[in-house]
Amino acid sequence: MKEIPEHVHGTKNGYTQYCCRCISCKDANSAYKREYYKRNKDRIRAQQREYAKKNKDKISTYSKQYREKNKDKILAFQRQYREENKEKNRIYFRQYREKNKDKIRKYQREWLKRRKLNES
């Protein structure tokens, strides 16, 4: 490992070239990455969209495996979110039902028809 000169601490160079992981070097690298993203946001997003388009199957497979492997963790997070945001969800769903009355009625009628057919 390289000897880290004192004047390098607290810089992006300290983090990247000297692999220094002190708080000041980490902060300097994070600040650089943040600024870089702000300057190149459109280009980065375009690259991400292109990657997602080219690797749809790979991403889908990974996501499915992740969900299966972390099912309990995901459910716990969702449960916690719903508990912490009860009022926000209540307002959202009330507004959704108000805006989509016809859509909801249509779905309910179709559901009832399917149910009656299955019972027969």
N, C-alpha and C. Protein backbone atom coordinates (compact mmCIF):
# COMPACT_ATOMS: atom_id res chain seq x y z
N MET A 1 0.83 -1.18 0.00
CA MET A 1 0.00 0.00 0.00
C MET A 1 0.88 1.25 0.00
N LYS A 2 0.45 2.25 -0.77
CA LYS A 2 1.23 3.48 -0.88
C LYS A 2 1.19 4.26 0.43
N GLU A 3 2.30 4.93 0.70
CA GLU A 3 2.34 5.85 1.83
C GLU A 3 1.52 7.08 1.46
N ILE A 4 0.64 7.50 2.36
CA ILE A 4 -0.27 8.60 2.05
C ILE A 4 0.31 9.92 2.55
N PRO A 5 0.66 10.83 1.63
CA PRO A 5 1.16 12.14 2.06
C PRO A 5 0.05 12.90 2.81
N GLU A 6 0.44 13.66 3.79
CA GLU A 6 -0.53 14.36 4.64
C GLU A 6 -1.37 15.36 3.84
N HIS A 7 -0.77 16.00 2.84
CA HIS A 7 -1.50 17.02 2.07
C HIS A 7 -2.59 16.42 1.18
N VAL A 8 -2.60 15.10 1.05
CA VAL A 8 -3.57 14.43 0.19
C VAL A 8 -4.86 14.14 0.95
N HIS A 9 -4.79 14.07 2.25
CA HIS A 9 -5.99 13.78 3.05
C HIS A 9 -7.06 14.85 2.81
N GLY A 10 -8.28 14.37 2.70
CA GLY A 10 -9.40 15.28 2.49
C GLY A 10 -9.60 15.65 1.04
N THR A 11 -9.01 14.86 0.13
CA THR A 11 -9.16 15.13 -1.29
C THR A 11 -9.70 13.89 -2.00
N LYS A 12 -10.24 14.10 -3.19
CA LYS A 12 -10.70 12.99 -4.01
C LYS A 12 -9.51 12.11 -4.38
N ASN A 13 -8.37 12.72 -4.63
CA ASN A 13 -7.16 11.99 -4.97
C ASN A 13 -6.75 11.04 -3.84
N GLY A 14 -6.91 11.48 -2.61
CA GLY A 14 -6.58 10.62 -1.47
C GLY A 14 -7.45 9.37 -1.46
N TYR A 15 -8.70 9.54 -1.83
CA TYR A 15 -9.63 8.41 -1.84
C TYR A 15 -9.35 7.47 -3.01
N THR A 16 -9.14 8.04 -4.22
CA THR A 16 -9.01 7.20 -5.41
C THR A 16 -7.60 6.66 -5.62
N GLN A 17 -6.59 7.51 -5.54
CA GLN A 17 -5.23 7.08 -5.84
C GLN A 17 -4.55 6.36 -4.67
N TYR A 18 -4.85 6.80 -3.46
CA TYR A 18 -4.17 6.23 -2.29
C TYR A 18 -5.07 5.30 -1.48
N CYS A 19 -6.31 5.12 -1.94
CA CYS A 19 -7.27 4.22 -1.27
C CYS A 19 -7.46 4.57 0.20
N CYS A 20 -7.35 5.86 0.52
CA CYS A 20 -7.56 6.30 1.90
C CYS A 20 -9.06 6.34 2.17
N ARG A 21 -9.46 5.76 3.28
CA ARG A 21 -10.88 5.71 3.61
C ARG A 21 -11.20 6.49 4.88
N CYS A 22 -10.39 7.50 5.17
CA CYS A 22 -10.69 8.34 6.32
C CYS A 22 -11.93 9.18 5.99
N ILE A 23 -12.57 9.71 6.99
CA ILE A 23 -13.82 10.44 6.80
C ILE A 23 -13.65 11.62 5.86
N SER A 24 -12.56 12.36 5.99
CA SER A 24 -12.39 13.55 5.14
C SER A 24 -12.19 13.17 3.67
N CYS A 25 -11.49 12.07 3.40
CA CYS A 25 -11.31 11.63 2.01
C CYS A 25 -12.62 11.09 1.44
N LYS A 26 -13.39 10.36 2.26
CA LYS A 26 -14.69 9.86 1.82
C LYS A 26 -15.62 11.03 1.50
N ASP A 27 -15.62 12.04 2.36
CA ASP A 27 -16.47 13.21 2.13
C ASP A 27 -16.08 13.95 0.85
N ALA A 28 -14.77 14.07 0.62
CA ALA A 28 -14.30 14.77 -0.59
C ALA A 28 -14.72 13.99 -1.83
N ASN A 29 -14.60 12.67 -1.81
CA ASN A 29 -15.00 11.86 -2.95
C ASN A 29 -16.51 11.93 -3.18
N SER A 30 -17.28 11.89 -2.10
CA SER A 30 -18.74 11.99 -2.22
C SER A 30 -19.14 13.33 -2.82
N ALA A 31 -18.49 14.40 -2.38
CA ALA A 31 -18.79 15.73 -2.91
C ALA A 31 -18.47 15.79 -4.40
N TYR A 32 -17.35 15.19 -4.79
CA TYR A 32 -16.98 15.17 -6.21
C TYR A 32 -18.03 14.41 -7.02
N LYS A 33 -18.42 13.23 -6.54
CA LYS A 33 -19.41 12.43 -7.25
C LYS A 33 -20.74 13.16 -7.37
N ARG A 34 -21.14 13.84 -6.30
CA ARG A 34 -22.39 14.60 -6.30
C ARG A 34 -22.36 15.70 -7.37
N GLU A 35 -21.27 16.45 -7.41
CA GLU A 35 -21.12 17.52 -8.40
C GLU A 35 -21.05 16.95 -9.82
N TYR A 36 -20.33 15.85 -9.98
CA TYR A 36 -20.21 15.21 -11.29
C TYR A 36 -21.60 14.81 -11.79
N TYR A 37 -22.41 14.22 -10.91
CA TYR A 37 -23.75 13.81 -11.29
C TYR A 37 -24.61 15.00 -11.69
N LYS A 38 -24.49 16.08 -10.93
CA LYS A 38 -25.27 17.29 -11.26
C LYS A 38 -24.90 17.81 -12.65
N ARG A 39 -23.60 17.80 -12.97
CA ARG A 39 -23.15 18.32 -14.26
C ARG A 39 -23.52 17.39 -15.42
N ASN A 40 -23.62 16.08 -15.17
CA ASN A 40 -23.80 15.10 -16.24
C ASN A 40 -25.08 14.28 -16.10
N LYS A 41 -26.08 14.83 -15.41
CA LYS A 41 -27.30 14.10 -15.09
C LYS A 41 -27.98 13.50 -16.32
N ASP A 42 -28.15 14.30 -17.37
CA ASP A 42 -28.84 13.82 -18.56
C ASP A 42 -28.09 12.68 -19.24
N ARG A 43 -26.78 12.82 -19.37
CA ARG A 43 -25.97 11.78 -20.01
C ARG A 43 -26.00 10.49 -19.19
N ILE A 44 -25.90 10.61 -17.87
CA ILE A 44 -25.91 9.43 -17.00
C ILE A 44 -27.26 8.72 -17.08
N ARG A 45 -28.34 9.48 -17.05
CA ARG A 45 -29.67 8.88 -17.14
C ARG A 45 -29.88 8.19 -18.48
N ALA A 46 -29.37 8.80 -19.55
CA ALA A 46 -29.49 8.18 -20.88
C ALA A 46 -28.73 6.86 -20.91
N GLN A 47 -27.55 6.83 -20.31
CA GLN A 47 -26.77 5.59 -20.24
C GLN A 47 -27.51 4.52 -19.43
N GLN A 48 -28.12 4.93 -18.34
CA GLN A 48 -28.86 3.98 -17.51
C GLN A 48 -30.06 3.41 -18.26
N ARG A 49 -30.77 4.28 -18.98
CA ARG A 49 -31.92 3.80 -19.78
C ARG A 49 -31.45 2.82 -20.85
N GLU A 50 -30.36 3.14 -21.52
CA GLU A 50 -29.82 2.28 -22.57
C GLU A 50 -29.40 0.93 -22.00
N TYR A 51 -28.73 0.95 -20.85
CA TYR A 51 -28.33 -0.30 -20.20
C TYR A 51 -29.55 -1.13 -19.83
N ALA A 52 -30.57 -0.49 -19.28
CA ALA A 52 -31.78 -1.21 -18.88
C ALA A 52 -32.46 -1.82 -20.09
N LYS A 53 -32.46 -1.10 -21.21
CA LYS A 53 -33.08 -1.61 -22.43
C LYS A 53 -32.32 -2.84 -22.96
N LYS A 54 -31.00 -2.77 -22.94
CA LYS A 54 -30.18 -3.87 -23.47
C LYS A 54 -30.15 -5.08 -22.54
N ASN A 55 -30.36 -4.88 -21.25
CA ASN A 55 -30.21 -5.96 -20.27
C ASN A 55 -31.50 -6.26 -19.53
N LYS A 56 -32.62 -6.16 -20.22
CA LYS A 56 -33.93 -6.35 -19.59
C LYS A 56 -34.03 -7.71 -18.89
N ASP A 57 -33.63 -8.77 -19.57
CA ASP A 57 -33.73 -10.12 -19.00
C ASP A 57 -32.83 -10.28 -17.78
N LYS A 58 -31.61 -9.77 -17.89
CA LYS A 58 -30.66 -9.87 -16.79
C LYS A 58 -31.18 -9.14 -15.55
N ILE A 59 -31.71 -7.94 -15.75
CA ILE A 59 -32.24 -7.14 -14.64
C ILE A 59 -33.47 -7.81 -14.05
N SER A 60 -34.33 -8.33 -14.90
CA SER A 60 -35.54 -9.01 -14.45
C SER A 60 -35.20 -10.23 -13.60
N THR A 61 -34.25 -11.03 -14.07
CA THR A 61 -33.82 -12.23 -13.33
C THR A 61 -33.23 -11.84 -11.98
N TYR A 62 -32.35 -10.84 -11.99
CA TYR A 62 -31.73 -10.40 -10.74
C TYR A 62 -32.79 -9.91 -9.75
N SER A 63 -33.73 -9.10 -10.25
CA SER A 63 -34.76 -8.54 -9.38
C SER A 63 -35.62 -9.65 -8.77
N LYS A 64 -35.97 -10.63 -9.58
CA LYS A 64 -36.78 -11.75 -9.09
C LYS A 64 -36.02 -12.52 -8.01
N GLN A 65 -34.75 -12.80 -8.26
CA GLN A 65 -33.94 -13.52 -7.27
C GLN A 65 -33.81 -12.71 -5.99
N TYR A 66 -33.61 -11.40 -6.11
CA TYR A 66 -33.48 -10.55 -4.94
C TYR A 66 -34.76 -10.58 -4.11
N ARG A 67 -35.92 -10.43 -4.80
CA ARG A 67 -37.20 -10.44 -4.09
C ARG A 67 -37.43 -11.77 -3.37
N GLU A 68 -37.08 -12.87 -4.02
CA GLU A 68 -37.26 -14.18 -3.39
C GLU A 68 -36.33 -14.34 -2.18
N LYS A 69 -35.10 -13.91 -2.33
CA LYS A 69 -34.10 -14.06 -1.27
C LYS A 69 -34.40 -13.15 -0.08
N ASN A 70 -34.98 -11.96 -0.33
CA ASN A 70 -35.20 -10.96 0.72
C ASN A 70 -36.67 -10.71 1.00
N LYS A 71 -37.49 -11.73 0.81
CA LYS A 71 -38.94 -11.57 0.94
C LYS A 71 -39.33 -11.01 2.32
N ASP A 72 -38.79 -11.59 3.39
CA ASP A 72 -39.13 -11.14 4.74
C ASP A 72 -38.70 -9.69 4.98
N LYS A 73 -37.52 -9.37 4.51
CA LYS A 73 -36.99 -8.01 4.68
C LYS A 73 -37.87 -6.99 3.95
N ILE A 74 -38.28 -7.33 2.73
CA ILE A 74 -39.12 -6.44 1.93
C ILE A 74 -40.48 -6.27 2.58
N LEU A 75 -41.08 -7.38 3.03
CA LEU A 75 -42.38 -7.31 3.69
C LEU A 75 -42.33 -6.48 4.96
N ALA A 76 -41.25 -6.64 5.73
CA ALA A 76 -41.10 -5.86 6.96
C ALA A 76 -40.98 -4.36 6.65
N PHE A 77 -40.22 -4.04 5.60
CA PHE A 77 -40.08 -2.64 5.21
C PHE A 77 -41.42 -2.06 4.77
N GLN A 78 -42.17 -2.82 3.97
CA GLN A 78 -43.47 -2.35 3.50
C GLN A 78 -44.44 -2.16 4.66
N ARG A 79 -44.43 -3.11 5.58
CA ARG A 79 -45.30 -3.02 6.76
C ARG A 79 -44.97 -1.77 7.57
N GLN A 80 -43.68 -1.54 7.78
CA GLN A 80 -43.23 -0.38 8.55
C GLN A 80 -43.63 0.92 7.83
N TYR A 81 -43.46 0.96 6.51
CA TYR A 81 -43.82 2.15 5.75
C TYR A 81 -45.31 2.44 5.87
N ARG A 82 -46.13 1.40 5.69
CA ARG A 82 -47.58 1.60 5.80
C ARG A 82 -47.96 2.09 7.19
N GLU A 83 -47.33 1.54 8.21
CA GLU A 83 -47.62 1.95 9.59
C GLU A 83 -47.24 3.41 9.82
N GLU A 84 -46.09 3.81 9.31
CA GLU A 84 -45.60 5.18 9.52
C GLU A 84 -46.32 6.21 8.65
N ASN A 85 -47.00 5.76 7.58
CA ASN A 85 -47.63 6.69 6.64
C ASN A 85 -49.12 6.42 6.47
N LYS A 86 -49.78 6.06 7.56
CA LYS A 86 -51.20 5.71 7.48
C LYS A 86 -52.04 6.85 6.91
N GLU A 87 -51.87 8.03 7.42
CA GLU A 87 -52.69 9.17 6.98
C GLU A 87 -52.39 9.53 5.53
N LYS A 88 -51.13 9.53 5.17
CA LYS A 88 -50.73 9.83 3.79
C LYS A 88 -51.38 8.83 2.82
N ASN A 89 -51.35 7.54 3.17
CA ASN A 89 -51.96 6.51 2.33
C ASN A 89 -53.47 6.66 2.27
N ARG A 90 -54.07 6.97 3.40
CA ARG A 90 -55.52 7.15 3.46
C ARG A 90 -55.95 8.26 2.49
N ILE A 91 -55.23 9.37 2.51
CA ILE A 91 -55.54 10.49 1.62
C ILE A 91 -55.34 10.08 0.16
N TYR A 92 -54.22 9.41 -0.12
CA TYR A 92 -53.93 9.00 -1.49
C TYR A 92 -55.02 8.09 -2.04
N PHE A 93 -55.39 7.07 -1.28
CA PHE A 93 -56.39 6.11 -1.78
C PHE A 93 -57.78 6.74 -1.88
N ARG A 94 -58.09 7.65 -1.00
CA ARG A 94 -59.36 8.35 -1.09
C ARG A 94 -59.42 9.15 -2.40
N GLN A 95 -58.33 9.86 -2.71
CA GLN A 95 -58.27 10.63 -3.95
C GLN A 95 -58.30 9.71 -5.17
N TYR A 96 -57.61 8.58 -5.09
CA TYR A 96 -57.61 7.62 -6.19
C TYR A 96 -59.01 7.10 -6.47
N ARG A 97 -59.70 6.70 -5.40
CA ARG A 97 -61.07 6.18 -5.56
C ARG A 97 -61.99 7.24 -6.14
N GLU A 98 -61.81 8.48 -5.73
CA GLU A 98 -62.64 9.57 -6.24
C GLU A 98 -62.40 9.80 -7.73
N LYS A 99 -61.14 9.76 -8.15
CA LYS A 99 -60.79 10.01 -9.55
C LYS A 99 -61.13 8.83 -10.46
N ASN A 100 -61.18 7.61 -9.92
CA ASN A 100 -61.33 6.41 -10.74
C ASN A 100 -62.58 5.60 -10.41
N LYS A 101 -63.66 6.27 -10.09
CA LYS A 101 -64.90 5.58 -9.72
C LYS A 101 -65.34 4.61 -10.81
N ASP A 102 -65.37 5.07 -12.05
CA ASP A 102 -65.84 4.23 -13.15
C ASP A 102 -64.94 3.00 -13.34
N LYS A 103 -63.67 3.21 -13.27
CA LYS A 103 -62.71 2.12 -13.44
C LYS A 103 -62.90 1.07 -12.33
N ILE A 104 -63.09 1.52 -11.12
CA ILE A 104 -63.29 0.62 -9.98
C ILE A 104 -64.60 -0.14 -10.11
N ARG A 105 -65.67 0.55 -10.49
CA ARG A 105 -66.97 -0.12 -10.67
C ARG A 105 -66.88 -1.20 -11.75
N LYS A 106 -66.22 -0.85 -12.85
CA LYS A 106 -66.07 -1.81 -13.96
C LYS A 106 -65.32 -3.05 -13.48
N TYR A 107 -64.24 -2.85 -12.75
CA TYR A 107 -63.46 -3.96 -12.22
C TYR A 107 -64.31 -4.83 -11.28
N GLN A 108 -65.07 -4.18 -10.42
CA GLN A 108 -65.90 -4.91 -9.46
C GLN A 108 -66.96 -5.75 -10.18
N ARG A 109 -67.58 -5.17 -11.21
CA ARG A 109 -68.59 -5.92 -11.97
C ARG A 109 -67.97 -7.14 -12.64
N GLU A 110 -66.79 -6.96 -13.25
CA GLU A 110 -66.10 -8.08 -13.90
C GLU A 110 -65.71 -9.15 -12.89
N TRP A 111 -65.27 -8.72 -11.73
CA TRP A 111 -64.88 -9.66 -10.67
C TRP A 111 -66.09 -10.49 -10.23
N LEU A 112 -67.23 -9.81 -10.05
CA LEU A 112 -68.44 -10.52 -9.66
C LEU A 112 -68.87 -11.54 -10.72
N LYS A 113 -68.78 -11.16 -12.00
CA LYS A 113 -69.12 -12.08 -13.08
C LYS A 113 -68.22 -13.31 -13.04
N ARG A 114 -66.93 -13.10 -12.91
CA ARG A 114 -65.98 -14.23 -12.86
C ARG A 114 -66.29 -15.12 -11.67
N ARG A 115 -66.60 -14.52 -10.55
CA ARG A 115 -66.89 -15.27 -9.33
C ARG A 115 -68.15 -16.13 -9.51
N LYS A 116 -69.19 -15.54 -10.10
CA LYS A 116 -70.43 -16.28 -10.32
C LYS A 116 -70.21 -17.44 -11.29
N LEU A 117 -69.39 -17.21 -12.33
CA LEU A 117 -69.09 -18.28 -13.28
C LEU A 117 -68.34 -19.43 -12.60
N ASN A 118 -67.43 -19.09 -11.70
CA ASN A 118 -66.64 -20.12 -11.00
C ASN A 118 -67.50 -20.92 -10.02
N GLU A 119 -68.50 -20.28 -9.46
CA GLU A 119 -69.37 -20.97 -8.50
C GLU A 119 -70.34 -21.91 -9.21
N SER A 120 -70.66 -21.62 -10.45
CA SER A 120 -71.63 -22.44 -11.20
C SER A 120 -71.08 -23.78 -11.58
